[in-house]
Amino acid sequence: MGAEGGGGGGSSSGLTRRRGCSCTKDDFLPEESFKSWGNYVNALKETPARLVDRVLTRSSEQGELEVKARSEHDMKKTLNWWDLMWFGMGAVIGAGIFVLTGLEARDEAGPAVVLSYVVSGISALLSVFCYTEFAIEIPVAGGSFAYMRVELGDFVAFIAAGNILLEYVIGGAAVARSWTSYFATLCNHKARLMSTKGSSRLNYIASVVHILVIAFIIICGLLNANVKNFTPFAPYGVRGVFKASAVLFFAYVGFDAVSTMA
């Protein structure tokens, strides 16, 4: 009976081992391409044609709307036009006015940097019209990705999606997390991120403060202005004005964020 019990124990152990290793290749590679070497080779042969098809394929407005309808879930709306306006203004003030203006005035445009902002502003305005038209024609979540997918195809949309992820997740999130940590430490609180609505409120409070600071700088600058500083007005010529405008366009990236959030 001892031997029989031992045998039963060995059998049970064997069953346990088999149950623990019950995964098969199909669990990890369920696609038809991996069923056999022949299927795999055929799939490799079809890869160039599939890549060409992916590059040239374009989605349709109706298709994007159908995908949204199939999800049966809409993102909860927590922002309104007021929040979006201040998000855009916050991006313009932070990235452009406080950071880029002085550098471009010194290195490229001189006092003519005001004309560089005009050129950049007109370019941004035309881009905003395009974003507005896309947002109305294709009212789905995704912003730039959805627009690119319909207008230029899946491949361009894939590249745009990668850029968006790098911009917002890596760049924006890292800066926001660092700033939050410093600010919370200054206020003797734990560094916990707020909701989107809470971030919006903090954003337009900070933007109002920035606008007051800018107004103070303008008033004090006018009171102490020296006309001689405007000579020469464009030391680097027209080329310098447009080179500066290419960089200063970054100050208007707020409309991209507004379009994506909208």
Protein backbone atom coordinates (compact mmCIF):
# COMPACT_ATOMS: atom_id res chain seq x y z
CA MET A 1 0.00 0.00 0.00
CA GLY A 2 2.97 2.23 0.70
CA ALA A 3 4.22 1.71 -2.84
CA GLU A 4 0.73 2.24 -4.21
CA GLY A 5 0.35 5.43 -2.21
CA GLY A 6 3.75 6.57 -3.41
CA GLY A 7 2.71 5.85 -6.96
CA GLY A 8 -0.47 7.80 -6.46
CA GLY A 9 1.51 10.69 -5.06
CA GLY A 10 3.87 10.59 -8.04
CA SER A 11 0.92 10.57 -10.42
CA SER A 12 -0.67 13.51 -8.63
CA SER A 13 2.63 15.39 -8.74
CA GLY A 14 2.92 14.68 -12.44
CA LEU A 15 -0.58 16.02 -13.01
CA THR A 16 0.29 19.13 -11.05
CA ARG A 17 3.37 19.69 -13.15
CA ARG A 18 1.43 19.22 -16.36
CA ARG A 19 -1.21 21.70 -15.21
CA GLY A 20 1.47 24.24 -14.36
CA CYS A 21 2.94 23.95 -17.89
CA SER A 22 -0.34 23.83 -19.79
CA CYS A 23 0.50 26.88 -21.97
CA THR A 24 1.08 26.16 -25.63
CA LYS A 25 2.54 28.07 -28.53
CA ASP A 26 -0.95 29.15 -29.57
CA ASP A 27 -1.34 31.07 -26.30
CA PHE A 28 1.60 33.31 -27.21
CA LEU A 29 1.47 33.25 -31.02
CA PRO A 30 -2.19 32.76 -31.99
CA GLU A 31 -1.86 34.42 -35.41
CA GLU A 32 -2.18 32.27 -38.51
CA SER A 33 1.24 33.44 -39.68
CA PHE A 34 2.92 31.46 -36.90
CA LYS A 35 1.09 28.16 -37.43
CA SER A 36 3.86 26.81 -39.66
CA TRP A 37 7.11 27.81 -41.30
CA GLY A 38 5.34 28.01 -44.64
CA ASN A 39 2.78 30.48 -43.28
CA TYR A 40 5.61 32.52 -41.74
CA VAL A 41 7.51 32.73 -45.03
CA ASN A 42 4.33 33.72 -46.89
CA ALA A 43 3.66 36.42 -44.31
CA LEU A 44 7.18 37.81 -44.82
CA LYS A 45 6.60 37.90 -48.58
CA GLU A 46 3.40 39.87 -48.08
CA THR A 47 5.05 42.38 -45.73
CA PRO A 48 6.16 44.91 -48.43
CA ALA A 49 2.69 45.01 -49.97
CA ARG A 50 1.13 45.41 -46.51
CA LEU A 51 3.51 48.26 -45.70
CA VAL A 52 2.64 50.03 -48.96
CA ASP A 53 -1.05 49.51 -48.24
CA ARG A 54 -0.61 50.89 -44.71
CA VAL A 55 1.22 53.97 -46.00
CA LEU A 56 -1.38 54.71 -48.66
CA THR A 57 -4.51 53.74 -46.70
CA ARG A 58 -6.63 56.62 -45.49
CA SER A 59 -9.47 56.46 -43.04
CA SER A 60 -12.81 58.15 -43.68
CA GLU A 61 -14.81 60.56 -41.59
CA GLN A 62 -17.64 58.05 -41.35
CA GLY A 63 -15.22 55.32 -40.35
CA GLU A 64 -13.83 57.41 -37.49
CA LEU A 65 -17.34 58.15 -36.27
CA GLU A 66 -18.28 54.46 -36.44
CA VAL A 67 -15.23 53.53 -34.35
CA LYS A 68 -16.29 56.08 -31.76
CA ALA A 69 -19.86 54.74 -31.77
CA ARG A 70 -18.68 51.14 -31.27
CA SER A 71 -16.81 52.08 -28.12
CA GLU A 72 -20.15 53.08 -26.51
CA HIS A 73 -18.25 55.23 -24.05
CA ASP A 74 -17.55 58.94 -24.19
CA MET A 75 -14.86 60.66 -22.16
CA LYS A 76 -16.38 62.66 -19.35
CA LYS A 77 -16.39 66.35 -20.22
CA THR A 78 -14.80 68.34 -17.42
CA LEU A 79 -13.52 71.35 -19.39
CA ASN A 80 -15.41 74.16 -21.09
CA TRP A 81 -14.40 76.89 -23.55
CA TRP A 82 -13.09 79.05 -20.70
CA ASP A 83 -10.73 76.32 -19.52
CA LEU A 84 -9.48 75.64 -23.04
CA MET A 85 -8.86 79.33 -23.68
CA TRP A 86 -6.69 79.63 -20.59
CA PHE A 87 -4.81 76.43 -21.35
CA GLY A 88 -3.87 77.92 -24.71
CA MET A 89 -2.87 81.24 -23.18
CA GLY A 90 -0.81 79.49 -20.52
CA ALA A 91 1.17 77.64 -23.19
CA VAL A 92 1.77 80.84 -25.18
CA ILE A 93 2.91 82.83 -22.16
CA GLY A 94 5.12 80.17 -20.63
CA ALA A 95 6.88 78.87 -23.73
CA GLY A 96 7.05 82.00 -25.82
CA ILE A 97 7.00 85.32 -24.04
CA PHE A 98 9.11 84.39 -21.01
CA VAL A 99 11.60 82.12 -22.77
CA LEU A 100 12.06 82.78 -26.47
CA THR A 101 11.53 86.51 -26.96
CA GLY A 102 14.79 87.72 -25.44
CA LEU A 103 16.89 85.06 -27.15
CA GLU A 104 15.55 85.75 -30.62
CA ALA A 105 15.73 89.52 -30.15
CA ARG A 106 19.40 89.22 -29.21
CA ASP A 107 20.55 86.60 -31.73
CA GLU A 108 18.35 86.95 -34.81
CA ALA A 109 15.86 89.81 -35.16
CA GLY A 110 16.78 92.67 -32.84
CA PRO A 111 13.91 95.10 -32.21
CA ALA A 112 12.22 93.66 -35.31
CA VAL A 113 11.27 90.67 -33.17
CA VAL A 114 7.83 92.28 -33.03
CA LEU A 115 7.52 91.61 -36.76
CA SER A 116 8.67 88.03 -36.19
CA TYR A 117 5.75 87.58 -33.80
CA VAL A 118 3.39 88.97 -36.43
CA VAL A 119 4.62 86.45 -39.01
CA SER A 120 4.38 83.58 -36.53
CA GLY A 121 0.94 84.74 -35.41
CA ILE A 122 -0.41 84.78 -38.97
CA SER A 123 0.97 81.28 -39.60
CA ALA A 124 -0.58 80.03 -36.37
CA LEU A 125 -3.90 81.67 -37.27
CA LEU A 126 -4.03 79.78 -40.57
CA SER A 127 -3.20 76.55 -38.75
CA VAL A 128 -5.98 77.25 -36.26
CA PHE A 129 -8.47 77.57 -39.10
CA CYS A 130 -7.38 74.13 -40.34
CA TYR A 131 -7.68 72.61 -36.86
CA THR A 132 -11.11 74.16 -36.43
CA GLU A 133 -12.36 72.73 -39.72
CA PHE A 134 -11.02 69.29 -38.87
CA ALA A 135 -12.53 69.39 -35.39
CA ILE A 136 -15.95 70.19 -36.86
CA GLU A 137 -15.78 67.62 -39.67
CA ILE A 138 -14.29 64.84 -37.52
CA PRO A 139 -15.71 65.29 -34.00
CA VAL A 140 -13.88 62.36 -32.37
CA ALA A 141 -11.24 62.05 -29.69
CA GLY A 142 -7.66 61.99 -30.90
CA GLY A 143 -6.92 65.50 -32.10
CA SER A 144 -4.02 65.58 -34.54
CA PHE A 145 -3.96 61.79 -34.87
CA ALA A 146 -7.55 61.55 -36.10
CA TYR A 147 -7.10 64.47 -38.50
CA MET A 148 -3.91 63.03 -39.98
CA ARG A 149 -5.45 59.59 -40.35
CA VAL A 150 -8.26 60.93 -42.48
CA GLU A 151 -6.37 63.53 -44.47
CA LEU A 152 -2.91 61.97 -44.97
CA GLY A 153 -3.25 58.30 -44.09
CA ASP A 154 -2.41 55.83 -41.35
CA PHE A 155 1.36 56.03 -41.69
CA VAL A 156 1.53 59.81 -41.22
CA ALA A 157 -0.95 59.50 -38.37
CA PHE A 158 1.32 56.91 -36.74
CA ILE A 159 4.27 59.32 -36.90
CA ALA A 160 2.09 62.13 -35.52
CA ALA A 161 0.89 59.90 -32.67
CA GLY A 162 4.49 59.14 -31.72
CA ASN A 163 5.31 62.84 -31.65
CA ILE A 164 2.24 63.58 -29.54
CA LEU A 165 3.19 60.89 -27.03
CA LEU A 166 6.73 62.24 -26.77
CA GLU A 167 5.47 65.81 -26.42
CA TYR A 168 2.76 65.29 -23.84
CA VAL A 169 3.72 62.15 -21.94
CA ILE A 170 7.48 62.50 -21.73
CA GLY A 171 7.93 66.26 -22.01
CA GLY A 172 4.76 67.70 -20.51
CA ALA A 173 4.29 65.09 -17.80
CA ALA A 174 7.90 65.31 -16.65
CA VAL A 175 7.80 69.09 -16.39
CA ALA A 176 4.38 69.07 -14.70
CA ARG A 177 5.43 66.41 -12.20
CA SER A 178 8.65 68.23 -11.32
CA TRP A 179 6.91 71.59 -10.93
CA THR A 180 4.16 70.01 -8.83
CA SER A 181 6.73 68.42 -6.55
CA TYR A 182 8.58 71.69 -6.00
CA PHE A 183 5.40 73.69 -5.46
CA ALA A 184 3.92 71.15 -3.06
CA THR A 185 7.15 71.04 -1.07
CA LEU A 186 7.13 74.84 -0.87
CA CYS A 187 3.57 74.71 0.52
CA ASN A 188 4.48 71.85 2.90
CA HIS A 189 2.06 69.40 1.23
CA LYS A 190 2.43 66.00 -0.36
CA ALA A 191 3.15 66.09 -4.08
CA ARG A 192 -0.17 64.69 -5.34
CA LEU A 193 -1.40 65.56 -8.84
CA MET A 194 -4.83 67.15 -9.14
CA SER A 195 -7.62 66.31 -11.57
CA THR A 196 -7.87 67.84 -15.03
CA LYS A 197 -10.38 70.40 -13.78
CA GLY A 198 -8.18 71.27 -10.83
CA SER A 199 -5.17 71.67 -13.10
CA SER A 200 -7.24 73.95 -15.31
CA ARG A 201 -8.11 76.21 -12.38
CA LEU A 202 -4.50 76.41 -11.29
CA ASN A 203 -3.50 77.13 -14.88
CA TYR A 204 -5.71 80.14 -15.39
CA ILE A 205 -4.84 81.54 -11.96
CA ALA A 206 -1.16 81.28 -12.89
CA SER A 207 -1.89 82.74 -16.33
CA VAL A 208 -3.66 85.75 -14.79
CA VAL A 209 -0.62 86.35 -12.59
CA HIS A 210 1.63 86.10 -15.65
CA ILE A 211 -0.49 88.60 -17.55
CA LEU A 212 -0.25 91.04 -14.65
CA VAL A 213 3.53 90.59 -14.63
CA ILE A 214 3.68 91.19 -18.37
CA ALA A 215 1.53 94.31 -18.05
CA PHE A 216 3.86 95.58 -15.31
CA ILE A 217 6.90 94.97 -17.52
CA ILE A 218 5.29 96.75 -20.49
CA ILE A 219 4.28 99.80 -18.45
CA CYS A 220 7.68 100.11 -16.76
CA GLY A 221 9.41 99.52 -20.08
CA LEU A 222 7.45 102.29 -21.79
CA LEU A 223 8.18 104.71 -18.96
CA ASN A 224 11.90 104.05 -19.26
CA ALA A 225 12.10 103.40 -22.99
CA ASN A 226 14.96 104.80 -25.05
CA VAL A 227 14.21 105.31 -28.74
CA LYS A 228 17.89 104.85 -29.59
CA ASN A 229 17.57 101.17 -28.69
CA PHE A 230 15.38 100.70 -31.77
CA THR A 231 18.26 101.62 -34.08
CA PRO A 232 19.03 99.59 -36.10
CA PHE A 233 15.52 98.18 -36.14
CA ALA A 234 16.39 95.02 -38.09
CA PRO A 235 20.15 94.46 -37.71
CA TYR A 236 19.98 91.04 -39.43
CA GLY A 237 17.58 92.06 -42.16
CA VAL A 238 14.50 90.27 -43.42
CA ARG A 239 16.24 86.92 -43.11
CA GLY A 240 16.71 87.47 -39.39
CA VAL A 241 13.04 88.36 -38.96
CA PHE A 242 11.88 85.13 -40.59
CA LYS A 243 14.49 82.98 -38.82
CA ALA A 244 13.22 84.32 -35.51
CA SER A 245 9.59 83.80 -36.53
CA ALA A 246 10.31 80.11 -37.23
CA VAL A 247 11.44 79.68 -33.62
CA LEU A 248 8.79 81.95 -32.12
CA PHE A 249 6.08 79.84 -33.75
CA PHE A 250 6.71 77.49 -30.83
CA ALA A 251 5.04 80.13 -28.66
CA TYR A 252 1.74 79.38 -30.40
CA VAL A 253 1.69 75.62 -29.80
CA GLY A 254 -1.15 76.19 -27.34
CA PHE A 255 -3.71 75.85 -30.14
CA ASP A 256 -2.57 72.26 -30.71
CA ALA A 257 -3.18 71.40 -27.07
CA VAL A 258 -6.56 73.17 -27.16
CA SER A 259 -7.61 71.24 -30.27
CA THR A 260 -6.59 67.91 -28.74
CA MET A 261 -8.44 68.64 -25.50
CA ALA A 262 -11.49 69.91 -27.34
